[in-house]
């Protein structure tokens, strides 16, 4: 009986600790989503510029510059992918914390 009561109080204390963490994580996820939406416009323009420069390099036979542009393009895509992965991980953690708090 005392173990059950002790477990209840420990769970309440953990929920009280998790509540501010959930609030901070929610704000960080919201800011990350806004930053991702805003940066998508600039990254899209950057990718179009890289593609245009790559086409120019192909016609001018500038193979070293083409390789550099392809590397930069792949790095931009990798950064975008990692940004989305971290955003999804944060959302998943936030959802798990919310489920724990309201259980």
PDB file of N, CA and C in Angstrom:
ATOM      1  N   UNK A   1       0.819  -1.194   0.000  1.00  0.00           N
ATOM      2  CA  UNK A   1       0.000   0.000   0.000  1.00  0.00           C
ATOM      3  C   UNK A   1       0.863   1.258   0.000  1.00  0.00           C
ATOM      4  N   UNK A   2       1.934   1.279   0.820  1.00  0.00           N
ATOM      5  CA  UNK A   2       2.793   2.456   0.864  1.00  0.00           C
ATOM      6  C   UNK A   2       3.611   2.592  -0.416  1.00  0.00           C
ATOM      7  N   UNK A   3       3.917   1.469  -1.045  1.00  0.00           N
ATOM      8  CA  UNK A   3       4.662   1.516  -2.306  1.00  0.00           C
ATOM      9  C   UNK A   3       3.792   2.150  -3.386  1.00  0.00           C
ATOM     10  N   UNK A   4       2.527   1.842  -3.387  1.00  0.00           N
ATOM     11  CA  UNK A   4       1.601   2.393  -4.373  1.00  0.00           C
ATOM     12  C   UNK A   4       1.449   3.904  -4.175  1.00  0.00           C
ATOM     13  N   UNK A   5       1.354   4.329  -2.920  1.00  0.00           N
ATOM     14  CA  UNK A   5       1.235   5.762  -2.623  1.00  0.00           C
ATOM     15  C   UNK A   5       2.528   6.478  -2.983  1.00  0.00           C
ATOM     16  N   UNK A   6       3.667   5.874  -2.667  1.00  0.00           N
ATOM     17  CA  UNK A   6       4.963   6.461  -3.012  1.00  0.00           C
ATOM     18  C   UNK A   6       5.113   6.576  -4.531  1.00  0.00           C
ATOM     19  N   UNK A   7       4.698   5.544  -5.259  1.00  0.00           N
ATOM     20  CA  UNK A   7       4.739   5.591  -6.726  1.00  0.00           C
ATOM     21  C   UNK A   7       3.853   6.690  -7.281  1.00  0.00           C
ATOM     22  N   UNK A   8       2.697   6.897  -6.661  1.00  0.00           N
ATOM     23  CA  UNK A   8       1.788   7.967  -7.103  1.00  0.00           C
ATOM     24  C   UNK A   8       2.434   9.335  -6.928  1.00  0.00           C
ATOM     25  N   UNK A   9       3.084   9.555  -5.766  1.00  0.00           N
ATOM     26  CA  UNK A   9       3.726  10.849  -5.522  1.00  0.00           C
ATOM     27  C   UNK A   9       4.930  11.068  -6.437  1.00  0.00           C
ATOM     28  N   UNK A  10       5.673  10.020  -6.711  1.00  0.00           N
ATOM     29  CA  UNK A  10       6.813  10.132  -7.630  1.00  0.00           C
ATOM     30  C   UNK A  10       6.323  10.479  -9.029  1.00  0.00           C
ATOM     31  N   UNK A  11       5.208   9.860  -9.436  1.00  0.00           N
ATOM     32  CA  UNK A  11       4.657  10.148 -10.757  1.00  0.00           C
ATOM     33  C   UNK A  11       4.165  11.590 -10.840  1.00  0.00           C
ATOM     34  N   UNK A  12       3.554  12.094  -9.782  1.00  0.00           N
ATOM     35  CA  UNK A  12       3.099  13.486  -9.750  1.00  0.00           C
ATOM     36  C   UNK A  12       4.288  14.438  -9.832  1.00  0.00           C
ATOM     37  N   UNK A  13       5.353  14.135  -9.098  1.00  0.00           N
ATOM     38  CA  UNK A  13       6.545  14.991  -9.128  1.00  0.00           C
ATOM     39  C   UNK A  13       7.166  14.981 -10.526  1.00  0.00           C
ATOM     40  N   UNK A  14       7.252  13.811 -11.150  1.00  0.00           N
ATOM     41  CA  UNK A  14       7.802  13.734 -12.507  1.00  0.00           C
ATOM     42  C   UNK A  14       6.934  14.497 -13.501  1.00  0.00           C
ATOM     43  N   UNK A  15       5.627  14.461 -13.323  1.00  0.00           N
ATOM     44  CA  UNK A  15       4.734  15.217 -14.202  1.00  0.00           C
ATOM     45  C   UNK A  15       4.935  16.717 -14.017  1.00  0.00           C
ATOM     46  N   UNK A  16       5.139  17.152 -12.786  1.00  0.00           N
ATOM     47  CA  UNK A  16       5.393  18.567 -12.544  1.00  0.00           C
ATOM     48  C   UNK A  16       6.725  19.021 -13.131  1.00  0.00           C
ATOM     49  N   UNK A  17       7.700  18.134 -13.151  1.00  0.00           N
ATOM     50  CA  UNK A  17       8.996  18.457 -13.771  1.00  0.00           C
ATOM     51  C   UNK A  17       8.864  18.464 -15.291  1.00  0.00           C
ATOM     52  N   UNK A  18       8.069  17.548 -15.833  1.00  0.00           N
ATOM     53  CA  UNK A  18       7.939  17.428 -17.282  1.00  0.00           C
ATOM     54  C   UNK A  18       7.110  18.555 -17.893  1.00  0.00           C
ATOM     55  N   UNK A  19       6.268  19.210 -17.098  1.00  0.00           N
ATOM     56  CA  UNK A  19       5.412  20.265 -17.640  1.00  0.00           C
ATOM     57  C   UNK A  19       6.200  21.455 -18.188  1.00  0.00           C
ATOM     58  N   UNK A  20       7.186  22.025 -17.441  1.00  0.00           N
ATOM     59  CA  UNK A  20       7.973  23.112 -18.038  1.00  0.00           C
ATOM     60  C   UNK A  20       8.816  22.642 -19.229  1.00  0.00           C
ATOM     61  N   UNK A  21       9.295  21.395 -19.167  1.00  0.00           N
ATOM     62  CA  UNK A  21      10.060  20.858 -20.295  1.00  0.00           C
ATOM     63  C   UNK A  21       9.177  20.791 -21.530  1.00  0.00           C
ATOM     64  N   UNK A  22       7.924  20.387 -21.355  1.00  0.00           N
ATOM     65  CA  UNK A  22       6.975  20.339 -22.470  1.00  0.00           C
ATOM     66  C   UNK A  22       6.727  21.730 -23.029  1.00  0.00           C
ATOM     67  N   UNK A  23       6.607  22.712 -22.161  1.00  0.00           N
ATOM     68  CA  UNK A  23       6.384  24.089 -22.607  1.00  0.00           C
ATOM     69  C   UNK A  23       7.564  24.599 -23.426  1.00  0.00           C
ATOM     70  N   UNK A  24       8.769  24.392 -22.926  1.00  0.00           N
ATOM     71  CA  UNK A  24       9.973  24.845 -23.643  1.00  0.00           C
ATOM     72  C   UNK A  24      10.111  24.099 -24.963  1.00  0.00           C
ATOM     73  N   UNK A  25       9.872  22.801 -24.948  1.00  0.00           N
ATOM     74  CA  UNK A  25       9.974  22.007 -26.170  1.00  0.00           C
ATOM     75  C   UNK A  25       8.920  22.427 -27.194  1.00  0.00           C
ATOM     76  N   UNK A  26       7.736  22.770 -26.726  1.00  0.00           N
ATOM     77  CA  UNK A  26       6.696  23.252 -27.631  1.00  0.00           C
ATOM     78  C   UNK A  26       7.079  24.555 -28.303  1.00  0.00           C
ATOM     79  N   UNK A  27       7.676  25.481 -27.533  1.00  0.00           N
ATOM     80  CA  UNK A  27       8.117  26.755 -28.106  1.00  0.00           C
ATOM     81  C   UNK A  27       9.246  26.524 -29.104  1.00  0.00           C
ATOM     82  N   UNK A  28      10.184  25.650 -28.759  1.00  0.00           N
ATOM     83  CA  UNK A  28      11.301  25.360 -29.671  1.00  0.00           C
ATOM     84  C   UNK A  28      10.792  24.717 -30.961  1.00  0.00           C
ATOM     85  N   UNK A  29       9.834  23.796 -30.860  1.00  0.00           N
ATOM     86  CA  UNK A  29       9.280  23.156 -32.058  1.00  0.00           C
ATOM     87  C   UNK A  29       8.534  24.160 -32.921  1.00  0.00           C
ATOM     88  N   UNK A  30       7.805  25.076 -32.290  1.00  0.00           N
ATOM     89  CA  UNK A  30       7.091  26.099 -33.050  1.00  0.00           C
ATOM     90  C   UNK A  30       8.064  27.018 -33.774  1.00  0.00           C
ATOM     91  N   UNK A  31       9.111  27.448 -33.084  1.00  0.00           N
ATOM     92  CA  UNK A  31      10.113  28.304 -33.718  1.00  0.00           C
ATOM     93  C   UNK A  31      10.849  27.574 -34.839  1.00  0.00           C
ATOM     94  N   UNK A  32      11.124  26.283 -34.638  1.00  0.00           N
ATOM     95  CA  UNK A  32      11.795  25.505 -35.684  1.00  0.00           C
ATOM     96  C   UNK A  32      10.902  25.363 -36.902  1.00  0.00           C
ATOM     97  N   UNK A  33       9.605  25.172 -36.685  1.00  0.00           N
ATOM     98  CA  UNK A  33       8.686  25.044 -37.815  1.00  0.00           C
ATOM     99  C   UNK A  33       8.587  26.356 -38.580  1.00  0.00           C
ATOM    100  N   UNK A  34       8.505  27.478 -37.865  1.00  0.00           N
ATOM    101  CA  UNK A  34       8.453  28.783 -38.526  1.00  0.00           C
ATOM    102  C   UNK A  34       9.744  29.048 -39.291  1.00  0.00           C
ATOM    103  N   UNK A  35      10.890  28.732 -38.675  1.00  0.00           N
ATOM    104  CA  UNK A  35      12.179  28.942 -39.341  1.00  0.00           C
ATOM    105  C   UNK A  35      12.296  28.073 -40.586  1.00  0.00           C
ATOM    106  N   UNK A  36      11.807  26.838 -40.507  1.00  0.00           N
ATOM    107  CA  UNK A  36      11.881  25.952 -41.662  1.00  0.00           C
ATOM    108  C   UNK A  36      11.005  26.473 -42.798  1.00  0.00           C
ATOM    109  N   UNK A  37       9.799  26.933 -42.475  1.00  0.00           N
ATOM    110  CA  UNK A  37       8.905  27.451 -43.520  1.00  0.00           C
ATOM    111  C   UNK A  37       9.484  28.690 -44.181  1.00  0.00           C
ATOM    112  N   UNK A  38      10.070  29.583 -43.391  1.00  0.00           N
ATOM    113  CA  UNK A  38      10.644  30.798 -43.962  1.00  0.00           C
ATOM    114  C   UNK A  38      11.908  30.515 -44.762  1.00  0.00           C
ATOM    115  N   UNK A  39      12.721  29.603 -44.265  1.00  0.00           N
ATOM    116  CA  UNK A  39      13.979  29.329 -44.969  1.00  0.00           C
ATOM    117  C   UNK A  39      13.760  28.511 -46.240  1.00  0.00           C
ATOM    118  N   UNK A  40      12.625  27.869 -46.362  1.00  0.00           N
ATOM    119  CA  UNK A  40      12.357  27.070 -47.563  1.00  0.00           C
ATOM    120  C   UNK A  40      12.347  27.938 -48.821  1.00  0.00           C
ATOM    121  N   UNK A  41      11.845  29.156 -48.705  1.00  0.00           N
ATOM    122  CA  UNK A  41      11.838  30.051 -49.864  1.00  0.00           C
ATOM    123  C   UNK A  41      13.263  30.372 -50.309  1.00  0.00           C
ATOM    124  N   UNK A  42      14.137  30.697 -49.357  1.00  0.00           N
ATOM    125  CA  UNK A  42      15.508  31.061 -49.694  1.00  0.00           C
ATOM    126  C   UNK A  42      16.307  29.850 -50.171  1.00  0.00           C
ATOM    127  N   UNK A  43      16.065  28.712 -49.552  1.00  0.00           N
ATOM    128  CA  UNK A  43      16.776  27.503 -49.969  1.00  0.00           C
ATOM    129  C   UNK A  43      16.330  27.080 -51.368  1.00  0.00           C
ATOM    130  N   UNK A  44      15.034  27.242 -51.665  1.00  0.00           N
ATOM    131  CA  UNK A  44      14.543  26.938 -53.010  1.00  0.00           C
ATOM    132  C   UNK A  44      15.209  27.809 -54.060  1.00  0.00           C
ATOM    133  N   UNK A  45      15.346  29.099 -53.753  1.00  0.00           N
ATOM    134  CA  UNK A  45      16.025  30.006 -54.685  1.00  0.00           C
ATOM    135  C   UNK A  45      17.504  29.619 -54.824  1.00  0.00           C
ATOM    136  N   UNK A  46      18.125  29.239 -53.731  1.00  0.00           N
ATOM    137  CA  UNK A  46      19.530  28.827 -53.783  1.00  0.00           C
ATOM    138  C   UNK A  46      19.704  27.578 -54.641  1.00  0.00           C
ATOM    139  N   UNK A  47      18.802  26.622 -54.503  1.00  0.00           N
ATOM    140  CA  UNK A  47      18.880  25.392 -55.297  1.00  0.00           C
ATOM    141  C   UNK A  47      18.694  25.712 -56.779  1.00  0.00           C
ATOM    142  N   UNK A  48      17.749  26.585 -57.095  1.00  0.00           N
ATOM    143  CA  UNK A  48      17.561  26.976 -58.500  1.00  0.00           C
ATOM    144  C   UNK A  48      18.809  27.654 -59.056  1.00  0.00           C
ATOM    145  N   UNK A  49      19.451  28.490 -58.262  1.00  0.00           N
ATOM    146  CA  UNK A  49      20.682  29.151 -58.691  1.00  0.00           C
ATOM    147  C   UNK A  49      21.796  28.124 -58.917  1.00  0.00           C
ATOM    148  N   UNK A  50      21.915  27.160 -58.018  1.00  0.00           N
ATOM    149  CA  UNK A  50      22.936  26.122 -58.164  1.00  0.00           C
ATOM    150  C   UNK A  50      22.673  25.295 -59.421  1.00  0.00           C
ATOM    151  N   UNK A  51      21.414  24.982 -59.702  1.00  0.00           N
ATOM    152  CA  UNK A  51      21.082  24.224 -60.912  1.00  0.00           C
ATOM    153  C   UNK A  51      21.428  25.027 -62.161  1.00  0.00           C
ATOM    154  N   UNK A  52      21.105  26.315 -62.138  1.00  0.00           N
ATOM    155  CA  UNK A  52      21.440  27.166 -63.288  1.00  0.00           C
ATOM    156  C   UNK A  52      22.937  27.251 -63.522  1.00  0.00           C
ATOM    157  N   UNK A  53      23.688  27.413 -62.448  1.00  0.00           N
ATOM    158  CA  UNK A  53      25.146  27.465 -62.569  1.00  0.00           C
ATOM    159  C   UNK A  53      25.710  26.120 -63.029  1.00  0.00           C
ATOM    160  N   UNK A  54      25.081  25.027 -62.593  1.00  0.00           N
ATOM    161  CA  UNK A  54      25.534  23.704 -63.025  1.00  0.00           C
ATOM    162  C   UNK A  54      25.324  23.510 -64.517  1.00  0.00           C
ATOM    163  N   UNK A  55      24.186  23.961 -65.021  1.00  0.00           N
ATOM    164  CA  UNK A  55      23.935  23.872 -66.465  1.00  0.00           C
ATOM    165  C   UNK A  55      24.959  24.694 -67.235  1.00  0.00           C
ATOM    166  N   UNK A  56      25.269  25.889 -66.745  1.00  0.00           N
ATOM    167  CA  UNK A  56      26.290  26.721 -67.381  1.00  0.00           C
ATOM    168  C   UNK A  56      27.647  26.006 -67.380  1.00  0.00           C
ATOM    169  N   UNK A  57      27.992  25.369 -66.263  1.00  0.00           N
ATOM    170  CA  UNK A  57      29.280  24.674 -66.168  1.00  0.00           C
ATOM    171  C   UNK A  57      29.346  23.488 -67.128  1.00  0.00           C
ATOM    172  N   UNK A  58      28.216  22.820 -67.343  1.00  0.00           N
ATOM    173  CA  UNK A  58      28.202  21.706 -68.286  1.00  0.00           C
ATOM    174  C   UNK A  58      28.484  22.216 -69.697  1.00  0.00           C
ATOM    175  N   UNK A  59      27.828  23.311 -70.096  1.00  0.00           N
ATOM    176  CA  UNK A  59      28.025  23.827 -71.455  1.00  0.00           C
ATOM    177  C   UNK A  59      29.403  24.437 -71.654  1.00  0.00           C
ATOM    178  N   UNK A  60      30.007  24.941 -70.578  1.00  0.00           N
ATOM    179  CA  UNK A  60      31.342  25.529 -70.701  1.00  0.00           C
ATOM    180  C   UNK A  60      32.456  24.532 -70.383  1.00  0.00           C
ATOM    181  N   UNK A  61      32.107  23.311 -70.071  1.00  0.00           N
ATOM    182  CA  UNK A  61      33.069  22.248 -69.736  1.00  0.00           C
ATOM    183  C   UNK A  61      33.935  22.618 -68.524  1.00  0.00           C
ATOM    184  N   UNK A  62      33.313  23.197 -67.506  1.00  0.00           N
ATOM    185  CA  UNK A  62      34.000  23.549 -66.260  1.00  0.00           C
ATOM    186  C   UNK A  62      33.684  22.450 -65.231  1.00  0.00           C
ATOM    187  N   UNK A  63      34.428  21.336 -65.346  1.00  0.00           N
ATOM    188  CA  UNK A  63      34.069  20.148 -64.582  1.00  0.00           C
ATOM    189  C   UNK A  63      34.379  20.273 -63.098  1.00  0.00           C
ATOM    190  N   UNK A  64      35.448  20.960 -62.741  1.00  0.00           N
ATOM    191  CA  UNK A  64      35.768  21.138 -61.334  1.00  0.00           C
ATOM    192  C   UNK A  64      34.709  21.997 -60.643  1.00  0.00           C
ATOM    193  N   UNK A  65      34.314  23.087 -61.309  1.00  0.00           N
ATOM    194  CA  UNK A  65      33.268  23.935 -60.740  1.00  0.00           C
ATOM    195  C   UNK A  65      31.935  23.186 -60.658  1.00  0.00           C
ATOM    196  N   UNK A  66      31.671  22.331 -61.648  1.00  0.00           N
ATOM    197  CA  UNK A  66      30.447  21.528 -61.618  1.00  0.00           C
ATOM    198  C   UNK A  66      30.462  20.572 -60.424  1.00  0.00           C
ATOM    199  N   UNK A  67      31.614  19.958 -60.180  1.00  0.00           N
ATOM    200  CA  UNK A  67      31.716  19.059 -59.032  1.00  0.00           C
ATOM    201  C   UNK A  67      31.510  19.822 -57.723  1.00  0.00           C
ATOM    202  N   UNK A  68      32.064  21.020 -57.626  1.00  0.00           N
ATOM    203  CA  UNK A  68      31.861  21.837 -56.426  1.00  0.00           C
ATOM    204  C   UNK A  68      30.393  22.222 -56.257  1.00  0.00           C
ATOM    205  N   UNK A  69      29.743  22.593 -57.335  1.00  0.00           N
ATOM    206  CA  UNK A  69      28.324  22.961 -57.266  1.00  0.00           C
ATOM    207  C   UNK A  69      27.456  21.767 -56.869  1.00  0.00           C
ATOM    208  N   UNK A  70      27.763  20.602 -57.400  1.00  0.00           N
ATOM    209  CA  UNK A  70      27.010  19.403 -57.032  1.00  0.00           C
ATOM    210  C   UNK A  70      27.221  19.095 -55.554  1.00  0.00           C
ATOM    211  N   UNK A  71      28.448  19.244 -55.071  1.00  0.00           N
ATOM    212  CA  UNK A  71      28.731  19.038 -53.653  1.00  0.00           C
ATOM    213  C   UNK A  71      27.973  20.029 -52.770  1.00  0.00           C
ATOM    214  N   UNK A  72      27.936  21.283 -53.177  1.00  0.00           N
ATOM    215  CA  UNK A  72      27.194  22.291 -52.417  1.00  0.00           C
ATOM    216  C   UNK A  72      25.707  21.972 -52.433  1.00  0.00           C
ATOM    217  N   UNK A  73      25.184  21.578 -53.582  1.00  0.00           N
ATOM    218  CA  UNK A  73      23.766  21.213 -53.678  1.00  0.00           C
ATOM    219  C   UNK A  73      23.420  20.034 -52.791  1.00  0.00           C
ATOM    220  N   UNK A  74      24.274  19.020 -52.777  1.00  0.00           N
ATOM    221  CA  UNK A  74      24.037  17.864 -51.911  1.00  0.00           C
ATOM    222  C   UNK A  74      24.111  18.245 -50.434  1.00  0.00           C
ATOM    223  N   UNK A  75      25.026  19.154 -50.089  1.00  0.00           N
ATOM    224  CA  UNK A  75      25.132  19.604 -48.699  1.00  0.00           C
ATOM    225  C   UNK A  75      23.875  20.370 -48.281  1.00  0.00           C
ATOM    226  N   UNK A  76      23.330  21.169 -49.192  1.00  0.00           N
ATOM    227  CA  UNK A  76      22.099  21.909 -48.882  1.00  0.00           C
ATOM    228  C   UNK A  76      20.943  20.939 -48.685  1.00  0.00           C
ATOM    229  N   UNK A  77      20.824  19.942 -49.554  1.00  0.00           N
ATOM    230  CA  UNK A  77      19.762  18.940 -49.397  1.00  0.00           C
ATOM    231  C   UNK A  77      19.945  18.147 -48.109  1.00  0.00           C
ATOM    232  N   UNK A  78      21.190  17.805 -47.765  1.00  0.00           N
ATOM    233  CA  UNK A  78      21.439  17.063 -46.530  1.00  0.00           C
ATOM    234  C   UNK A  78      21.080  17.909 -45.308  1.00  0.00           C
ATOM    235  N   UNK A  79      21.411  19.203 -45.341  1.00  0.00           N
ATOM    236  CA  UNK A  79      21.057  20.083 -44.230  1.00  0.00           C
ATOM    237  C   UNK A  79      19.544  20.196 -44.086  1.00  0.00           C
ATOM    238  N   UNK A  80      18.846  20.298 -45.205  1.00  0.00           N
ATOM    239  CA  UNK A  80      17.376  20.354 -45.171  1.00  0.00           C
ATOM    240  C   UNK A  80      16.804  19.067 -44.600  1.00  0.00           C
ATOM    241  N   UNK A  81      17.335  17.945 -45.028  1.00  0.00           N
ATOM    242  CA  UNK A  81      16.856  16.653 -44.542  1.00  0.00           C
ATOM    243  C   UNK A  81      17.080  16.520 -43.042  1.00  0.00           C
ATOM    244  N   UNK A  82      18.269  16.881 -42.560  1.00  0.00           N
ATOM    245  CA  UNK A  82      18.563  16.782 -41.138  1.00  0.00           C
ATOM    246  C   UNK A  82      17.690  17.723 -40.322  1.00  0.00           C
ATOM    247  N   UNK A  83      17.406  18.899 -40.869  1.00  0.00           N
ATOM    248  CA  UNK A  83      16.542  19.850 -40.177  1.00  0.00           C
ATOM    249  C   UNK A  83      15.146  19.258 -39.989  1.00  0.00           C
ATOM    250  N   UNK A  84      14.625  18.621 -41.015  1.00  0.00           N
ATOM    251  CA  UNK A  84      13.303  18.000 -40.923  1.00  0.00           C
ATOM    252  C   UNK A  84      13.327  16.813 -39.966  1.00  0.00           C
ATOM    253  N   UNK A  85      14.398  16.027 -39.984  1.00  0.00           N
ATOM    254  CA  UNK A  85      14.509  14.884 -39.078  1.00  0.00           C
ATOM    255  C   UNK A  85      14.515  15.357 -37.629  1.00  0.00           C
ATOM    256  N   UNK A  86      15.305  16.390 -37.312  1.00  0.00           N
ATOM    257  CA  UNK A  86      15.353  16.898 -35.947  1.00  0.00           C
ATOM    258  C   UNK A  86      14.017  17.496 -35.533  1.00  0.00           C
ATOM    259  N   UNK A  87      13.335  18.131 -36.468  1.00  0.00           N
ATOM    260  CA  UNK A  87      12.016  18.689 -36.172  1.00  0.00           C
ATOM    261  C   UNK A  87      11.026  17.570 -35.845  1.00  0.00           C
ATOM    262  N   UNK A  88      11.061  16.490 -36.594  1.00  0.00           N
ATOM    263  CA  UNK A  88      10.157  15.366 -36.336  1.00  0.00           C
ATOM    264  C   UNK A  88      10.490  14.671 -35.016  1.00  0.00           C
ATOM    265  N   UNK A  89      11.782  14.549 -34.694  1.00  0.00           N
ATOM    266  CA  UNK A  89      12.169  13.955 -33.417  1.00  0.00           C
ATOM    267  C   UNK A  89      11.658  14.810 -32.262  1.00  0.00           C
ATOM    268  N   UNK A  90      11.786  16.123 -32.386  1.00  0.00           N
ATOM    269  CA  UNK A  90      11.277  17.020 -31.351  1.00  0.00           C
ATOM    270  C   UNK A  90       9.772  16.905 -31.187  1.00  0.00           C
ATOM    271  N   UNK A  91       9.050  16.809 -32.299  1.00  0.00           N
ATOM    272  CA  UNK A  91       7.594  16.647 -32.231  1.00  0.00           C
ATOM    273  C   UNK A  91       7.219  15.325 -31.565  1.00  0.00           C
ATOM    274  N   UNK A  92       7.969  14.272 -31.863  1.00  0.00           N
ATOM    275  CA  UNK A  92       7.705  12.967 -31.265  1.00  0.00           C
ATOM    276  C   UNK A  92       7.949  12.994 -29.754  1.00  0.00           C
ATOM    277  N   UNK A  93       9.037  13.622 -29.335  1.00  0.00           N
ATOM    278  CA  UNK A  93       9.324  13.740 -27.904  1.00  0.00           C
ATOM    279  C   UNK A  93       8.245  14.570 -27.217  1.00  0.00           C
ATOM    280  N   UNK A  94       7.821  15.646 -27.863  1.00  0.00           N
ATOM    281  CA  UNK A  94       6.778  16.502 -27.290  1.00  0.00           C
ATOM    282  C   UNK A  94       5.475  15.723 -27.121  1.00  0.00           C
ATOM    283  N   UNK A  95       5.131  14.923 -28.116  1.00  0.00           N
ATOM    284  CA  UNK A  95       3.899  14.136 -28.033  1.00  0.00           C
ATOM    285  C   UNK A  95       3.984  13.089 -26.925  1.00  0.00           C
ATOM    286  N   UNK A  96       5.143  12.439 -26.781  1.00  0.00           N
ATOM    287  CA  UNK A  96       5.318  11.459 -25.702  1.00  0.00           C
ATOM    288  C   UNK A  96       5.225  12.106 -24.328  1.00  0.00           C
ATOM    289  N   UNK A  97       5.824  13.308 -24.183  1.00  0.00           N
ATOM    290  CA  UNK A  97       5.731  14.013 -22.913  1.00  0.00           C
ATOM    291  C   UNK A  97       4.284  14.411 -22.606  1.00  0.00           C
ATOM    292  N   UNK A  98       3.573  14.858 -23.625  1.00  0.00           N
ATOM    293  CA  UNK A  98       2.164  15.234 -23.440  1.00  0.00           C
ATOM    294  C   UNK A  98       1.346  14.014 -23.010  1.00  0.00           C
ATOM    295  N   UNK A  99       1.599  12.873 -23.632  1.00  0.00           N
ATOM    296  CA  UNK A  99       0.893  11.660 -23.241  1.00  0.00           C
ATOM    297  C   UNK A  99       1.209  11.266 -21.798  1.00  0.00           C
ATOM    298  N   UNK A 100       2.479  11.442 -21.386  1.00  0.00           N
ATOM    299  CA  UNK A 100       2.854  11.118 -20.010  1.00  0.00           C
ATOM    300  C   UNK A 100       2.193  12.058 -19.012  1.00  0.00           C
ATOM    301  N   UNK A 101       2.160  13.345 -19.337  1.00  0.00           N
ATOM    302  CA  UNK A 101       1.590  14.315 -18.396  1.00  0.00           C
ATOM    303  C   UNK A 101       0.093  14.104 -18.223  1.00  0.00           C
ATOM    304  N   UNK A 102      -0.611  13.820 -19.303  1.00  0.00           N
ATOM    305  CA  UNK A 102      -2.056  13.692 -19.230  1.00  0.00           C
ATOM    306  C   UNK A 102      -2.520  12.251 -19.013  1.00  0.00           C
ATOM    307  N   UNK A 103      -1.600  11.356 -18.645  1.00  0.00           N
ATOM    308  CA  UNK A 103      -2.000   9.972 -18.373  1.00  0.00           C
ATOM    309  C   UNK A 103      -2.488   9.818 -16.945  1.00  0.00           C
TER     310      UNK A 103
END
